[in-house]
Amino acid sequence: AAGVDTLSDCGVGNCGTCAVKVLDGEV
């Protein structure tokens, strides 16, 4: 929504397409 282009596919956590690297913080 903020206009940042990022990959995605299933939307429910099945495929891993939207996975990004976390540089700081607890997930």
PDB file of all heavy atoms in Angstrom:
ATOM      1  N   ALA A   1       0.824  -1.212   0.000  1.00  0.00           N
ATOM      2  CA  ALA A   1       0.000   0.000   0.000  1.00  0.00           C
ATOM      3  C   ALA A   1       0.853   1.255   0.000  1.00  0.00           C
ATOM      4  O   ALA A   1       0.448   2.300  -0.511  1.00  0.00           O
ATOM      5  CB  ALA A   1      -0.930  -0.003   1.211  1.00  0.00           C
ATOM      6  N   ALA A   2       2.064   1.146   0.569  1.00  0.00           N
ATOM      7  CA  ALA A   2       2.976   2.290   0.599  1.00  0.00           C
ATOM      8  C   ALA A   2       3.753   2.443  -0.705  1.00  0.00           C
ATOM      9  O   ALA A   2       4.597   3.326  -0.823  1.00  0.00           O
ATOM     10  CB  ALA A   2       3.946   2.134   1.774  1.00  0.00           C
ATOM     11  N   GLY A   3       3.481   1.557  -1.679  1.00  0.00           N
ATOM     12  CA  GLY A   3       4.110   1.673  -2.984  1.00  0.00           C
ATOM     13  C   GLY A   3       5.455   0.988  -3.105  1.00  0.00           C
ATOM     14  O   GLY A   3       6.179   1.216  -4.069  1.00  0.00           O
ATOM     15  N   VAL A   4       5.798   0.130  -2.142  1.00  0.00           N
ATOM     16  CA  VAL A   4       7.068  -0.594  -2.187  1.00  0.00           C
ATOM     17  C   VAL A   4       6.848  -1.922  -2.897  1.00  0.00           C
ATOM     18  O   VAL A   4       5.994  -2.722  -2.495  1.00  0.00           O
ATOM     19  CB  VAL A   4       7.624  -0.832  -0.766  1.00  0.00           C
ATOM     20  CG1 VAL A   4       8.933  -1.620  -0.833  1.00  0.00           C
ATOM     21  CG2 VAL A   4       7.836   0.502  -0.061  1.00  0.00           C
ATOM     22  N   ASP A   5       7.588  -2.154  -3.959  1.00  0.00           N
ATOM     23  CA  ASP A   5       7.413  -3.352  -4.774  1.00  0.00           C
ATOM     24  C   ASP A   5       8.071  -4.545  -4.103  1.00  0.00           C
ATOM     25  O   ASP A   5       9.255  -4.516  -3.768  1.00  0.00           O
ATOM     26  CB  ASP A   5       8.021  -3.130  -6.165  1.00  0.00           C
ATOM     27  CG  ASP A   5       7.687  -4.266  -7.118  1.00  0.00           C
ATOM     28  OD1 ASP A   5       6.648  -4.914  -6.918  1.00  0.00           O
ATOM     29  OD2 ASP A   5       8.471  -4.506  -8.060  1.00  0.00           O
ATOM     30  N   THR A   6       7.302  -5.604  -3.857  1.00  0.00           N
ATOM     31  CA  THR A   6       7.848  -6.815  -3.267  1.00  0.00           C
ATOM     32  C   THR A   6       7.075  -8.019  -3.800  1.00  0.00           C
ATOM     33  O   THR A   6       5.891  -7.913  -4.132  1.00  0.00           O
ATOM     34  CB  THR A   6       7.782  -6.769  -1.736  1.00  0.00           C
ATOM     35  OG1 THR A   6       8.424  -7.923  -1.189  1.00  0.00           O
ATOM     36  CG2 THR A   6       6.350  -6.697  -1.235  1.00  0.00           C
ATOM     37  N   LEU A   7       7.723  -9.160  -3.898  1.00  0.00           N
ATOM     38  CA  LEU A   7       7.102 -10.355  -4.448  1.00  0.00           C
ATOM     39  C   LEU A   7       6.138 -10.976  -3.450  1.00  0.00           C
ATOM     40  O   LEU A   7       6.333 -10.899  -2.237  1.00  0.00           O
ATOM     41  CB  LEU A   7       8.175 -11.378  -4.821  1.00  0.00           C
ATOM     42  CG  LEU A   7       9.161 -10.973  -5.926  1.00  0.00           C
ATOM     43  CD1 LEU A   7      10.230 -12.053  -6.083  1.00  0.00           C
ATOM     44  CD2 LEU A   7       8.429 -10.765  -7.245  1.00  0.00           C
ATOM     45  N   SER A   8       5.101 -11.642  -3.961  1.00  0.00           N
ATOM     46  CA  SER A   8       4.175 -12.401  -3.121  1.00  0.00           C
ATOM     47  C   SER A   8       3.401 -13.346  -4.007  1.00  0.00           C
ATOM     48  O   SER A   8       3.309 -13.147  -5.226  1.00  0.00           O
ATOM     49  CB  SER A   8       3.219 -11.472  -2.367  1.00  0.00           C
ATOM     50  OG  SER A   8       2.374 -10.795  -3.270  1.00  0.00           O
ATOM     51  N   ASP A   9       2.823 -14.383  -3.391  1.00  0.00           N
ATOM     52  CA  ASP A   9       2.017 -15.313  -4.181  1.00  0.00           C
ATOM     53  C   ASP A   9       0.816 -15.809  -3.388  1.00  0.00           C
ATOM     54  O   ASP A   9      -0.286 -15.291  -3.534  1.00  0.00           O
ATOM     55  CB  ASP A   9       2.862 -16.488  -4.661  1.00  0.00           C
ATOM     56  CG  ASP A   9       2.096 -17.407  -5.597  1.00  0.00           C
ATOM     57  OD1 ASP A   9       1.191 -16.909  -6.297  1.00  0.00           O
ATOM     58  OD2 ASP A   9       2.365 -18.624  -5.619  1.00  0.00           O
ATOM     59  N   CYS A  10       1.021 -16.750  -2.448  1.00  0.00           N
ATOM     60  CA  CYS A  10      -0.123 -17.419  -1.832  1.00  0.00           C
ATOM     61  C   CYS A  10      -0.866 -16.545  -0.835  1.00  0.00           C
ATOM     62  O   CYS A  10      -2.085 -16.651  -0.688  1.00  0.00           O
ATOM     63  CB  CYS A  10       0.327 -18.710  -1.153  1.00  0.00           C
ATOM     64  SG  CYS A  10       1.262 -18.457   0.388  1.00  0.00           S
ATOM     65  N   GLY A  11      -0.166 -15.702  -0.103  1.00  0.00           N
ATOM     66  CA  GLY A  11      -0.790 -14.819   0.877  1.00  0.00           C
ATOM     67  C   GLY A  11      -1.142 -15.474   2.192  1.00  0.00           C
ATOM     68  O   GLY A  11      -1.677 -14.817   3.089  1.00  0.00           O
ATOM     69  N   VAL A  12      -0.864 -16.767   2.369  1.00  0.00           N
ATOM     70  CA  VAL A  12      -1.220 -17.455   3.617  1.00  0.00           C
ATOM     71  C   VAL A  12      -0.033 -18.198   4.234  1.00  0.00           C
ATOM     72  O   VAL A  12      -0.207 -19.038   5.109  1.00  0.00           O
ATOM     73  CB  VAL A  12      -2.393 -18.436   3.400  1.00  0.00           C
ATOM     74  CG1 VAL A  12      -3.659 -17.687   3.061  1.00  0.00           C
ATOM     75  CG2 VAL A  12      -2.068 -19.460   2.316  1.00  0.00           C
ATOM     76  N   GLY A  13       1.178 -17.899   3.759  1.00  0.00           N
ATOM     77  CA  GLY A  13       2.365 -18.489   4.368  1.00  0.00           C
ATOM     78  C   GLY A  13       2.739 -19.860   3.875  1.00  0.00           C
ATOM     79  O   GLY A  13       3.546 -20.552   4.512  1.00  0.00           O
ATOM     80  N   ASN A  14       2.209 -20.282   2.722  1.00  0.00           N
ATOM     81  CA  ASN A  14       2.516 -21.608   2.203  1.00  0.00           C
ATOM     82  C   ASN A  14       3.764 -21.652   1.336  1.00  0.00           C
ATOM     83  O   ASN A  14       4.494 -22.644   1.342  1.00  0.00           O
ATOM     84  CB  ASN A  14       1.348 -22.135   1.361  1.00  0.00           C
ATOM     85  CG  ASN A  14       0.171 -22.574   2.202  1.00  0.00           C
ATOM     86  OD1 ASN A  14       0.335 -22.996   3.333  1.00  0.00           O
ATOM     87  ND2 ASN A  14      -1.026 -22.463   1.643  1.00  0.00           N
ATOM     88  N   CYS A  15       3.998 -20.575   0.557  1.00  0.00           N
ATOM     89  CA  CYS A  15       4.956 -20.693  -0.539  1.00  0.00           C
ATOM     90  C   CYS A  15       6.330 -20.089  -0.264  1.00  0.00           C
ATOM     91  O   CYS A  15       7.322 -20.510  -0.849  1.00  0.00           O
ATOM     92  CB  CYS A  15       4.383 -20.050  -1.804  1.00  0.00           C
ATOM     93  SG  CYS A  15       4.160 -18.252  -1.692  1.00  0.00           S
ATOM     94  N   GLY A  16       6.435 -19.069   0.565  1.00  0.00           N
ATOM     95  CA  GLY A  16       7.719 -18.431   0.855  1.00  0.00           C
ATOM     96  C   GLY A  16       8.138 -17.394  -0.158  1.00  0.00           C
ATOM     97  O   GLY A  16       9.237 -16.839  -0.058  1.00  0.00           O
ATOM     98  N   THR A  17       7.273 -17.084  -1.143  1.00  0.00           N
ATOM     99  CA  THR A  17       7.636 -16.111  -2.172  1.00  0.00           C
ATOM    100  C   THR A  17       7.915 -14.731  -1.578  1.00  0.00           C
ATOM    101  O   THR A  17       8.776 -13.995  -2.050  1.00  0.00           O
ATOM    102  CB  THR A  17       6.510 -16.003  -3.222  1.00  0.00           C
ATOM    103  OG1 THR A  17       6.276 -17.301  -3.770  1.00  0.00           O
ATOM    104  CG2 THR A  17       6.883 -15.046  -4.343  1.00  0.00           C
ATOM    105  N   CYS A  18       7.185 -14.363  -0.533  1.00  0.00           N
ATOM    106  CA  CYS A  18       7.297 -13.016   0.038  1.00  0.00           C
ATOM    107  C   CYS A  18       8.384 -12.907   1.102  1.00  0.00           C
ATOM    108  O   CYS A  18       8.497 -11.862   1.763  1.00  0.00           O
ATOM    109  CB  CYS A  18       5.953 -12.593   0.642  1.00  0.00           C
ATOM    110  SG  CYS A  18       5.484 -13.562   2.086  1.00  0.00           S
ATOM    111  N   ALA A  19       9.181 -13.944   1.305  1.00  0.00           N
ATOM    112  CA  ALA A  19      10.188 -13.931   2.373  1.00  0.00           C
ATOM    113  C   ALA A  19      11.224 -12.827   2.152  1.00  0.00           C
ATOM    114  O   ALA A  19      11.733 -12.657   1.046  1.00  0.00           O
ATOM    115  CB  ALA A  19      10.883 -15.276   2.463  1.00  0.00           C
ATOM    116  N   VAL A  20      11.508 -12.073   3.190  1.00  0.00           N
ATOM    117  CA  VAL A  20      12.522 -11.020   3.154  1.00  0.00           C
ATOM    118  C   VAL A  20      13.437 -11.180   4.354  1.00  0.00           C
ATOM    119  O   VAL A  20      13.079 -11.790   5.367  1.00  0.00           O
ATOM    120  CB  VAL A  20      11.896  -9.606   3.150  1.00  0.00           C
ATOM    121  CG1 VAL A  20      11.019  -9.410   1.943  1.00  0.00           C
ATOM    122  CG2 VAL A  20      11.112  -9.356   4.423  1.00  0.00           C
ATOM    123  N   LYS A  21      14.619 -10.589   4.267  1.00  0.00           N
ATOM    124  CA  LYS A  21      15.600 -10.694   5.335  1.00  0.00           C
ATOM    125  C   LYS A  21      15.289  -9.676   6.435  1.00  0.00           C
ATOM    126  O   LYS A  21      15.033  -8.501   6.161  1.00  0.00           O
ATOM    127  CB  LYS A  21      17.008 -10.458   4.799  1.00  0.00           C
ATOM    128  CG  LYS A  21      18.109 -10.717   5.833  1.00  0.00           C
ATOM    129  CD  LYS A  21      19.481 -10.639   5.190  1.00  0.00           C
ATOM    130  CE  LYS A  21      20.586 -10.972   6.185  1.00  0.00           C
ATOM    131  NZ  LYS A  21      20.448 -12.337   6.723  1.00  0.00           N
ATOM    132  N   VAL A  22      15.325 -10.143   7.684  1.00  0.00           N
ATOM    133  CA  VAL A  22      15.102  -9.283   8.843  1.00  0.00           C
ATOM    134  C   VAL A  22      16.462  -8.839   9.381  1.00  0.00           C
ATOM    135  O   VAL A  22      17.299  -9.670   9.731  1.00  0.00           O
ATOM    136  CB  VAL A  22      14.311 -10.026   9.940  1.00  0.00           C
ATOM    137  CG1 VAL A  22      14.092  -9.117  11.151  1.00  0.00           C
ATOM    138  CG2 VAL A  22      12.975 -10.508   9.395  1.00  0.00           C
ATOM    139  N   LEU A  23      16.674  -7.534   9.431  1.00  0.00           N
ATOM    140  CA  LEU A  23      17.956  -6.981   9.870  1.00  0.00           C
ATOM    141  C   LEU A  23      17.981  -6.676  11.357  1.00  0.00           C
ATOM    142  O   LEU A  23      19.046  -6.649  11.964  1.00  0.00           O
ATOM    143  CB  LEU A  23      18.260  -5.701   9.074  1.00  0.00           C
ATOM    144  CG  LEU A  23      18.257  -5.870   7.549  1.00  0.00           C
ATOM    145  CD1 LEU A  23      18.452  -4.532   6.865  1.00  0.00           C
ATOM    146  CD2 LEU A  23      19.344  -6.855   7.120  1.00  0.00           C
ATOM    147  N   ASP A  24      16.823  -6.449  11.945  1.00  0.00           N
ATOM    148  CA  ASP A  24      16.761  -6.171  13.373  1.00  0.00           C
ATOM    149  C   ASP A  24      15.336  -6.397  13.859  1.00  0.00           C
ATOM    150  O   ASP A  24      14.378  -6.197  13.121  1.00  0.00           O
ATOM    151  CB  ASP A  24      17.201  -4.729  13.667  1.00  0.00           C
ATOM    152  CG  ASP A  24      17.430  -4.484  15.148  1.00  0.00           C
ATOM    153  OD1 ASP A  24      17.818  -5.443  15.842  1.00  0.00           O
ATOM    154  OD2 ASP A  24      17.229  -3.349  15.611  1.00  0.00           O
ATOM    155  N   GLY A  25      15.198  -6.819  15.128  1.00  0.00           N
ATOM    156  CA  GLY A  25      13.883  -7.051  15.710  1.00  0.00           C
ATOM    157  C   GLY A  25      13.598  -8.532  15.870  1.00  0.00           C
ATOM    158  O   GLY A  25      14.308  -9.396  15.347  1.00  0.00           O
ATOM    159  N   GLU A  26      12.534  -8.843  16.625  1.00  0.00           N
ATOM    160  CA  GLU A  26      12.169 -10.224  16.920  1.00  0.00           C
ATOM    161  C   GLU A  26      10.891 -10.582  16.178  1.00  0.00           C
ATOM    162  O   GLU A  26       9.892  -9.861  16.251  1.00  0.00           O
ATOM    163  CB  GLU A  26      11.966 -10.399  18.426  1.00  0.00           C
ATOM    164  CG  GLU A  26      11.795 -11.841  18.858  1.00  0.00           C
ATOM    165  CD  GLU A  26      11.698 -11.984  20.371  1.00  0.00           C
ATOM    166  OE1 GLU A  26      11.704 -10.947  21.074  1.00  0.00           O
ATOM    167  OE2 GLU A  26      11.614 -13.134  20.839  1.00  0.00           O
ATOM    168  N   VAL A  27      10.914 -11.706  15.453  1.00  0.00           N
ATOM    169  CA  VAL A  27       9.814 -12.098  14.569  1.00  0.00           C
ATOM    170  C   VAL A  27       8.948 -13.159  15.236  1.00  0.00           C
ATOM    171  O   VAL A  27       9.438 -14.081  15.892  1.00  0.00           O
ATOM    172  CB  VAL A  27      10.366 -12.648  13.237  1.00  0.00           C
ATOM    173  CG1 VAL A  27       9.211 -13.076  12.323  1.00  0.00           C
ATOM    174  CG2 VAL A  27      11.224 -11.603  12.546  1.00  0.00           C
TER     175      VAL A  27
END
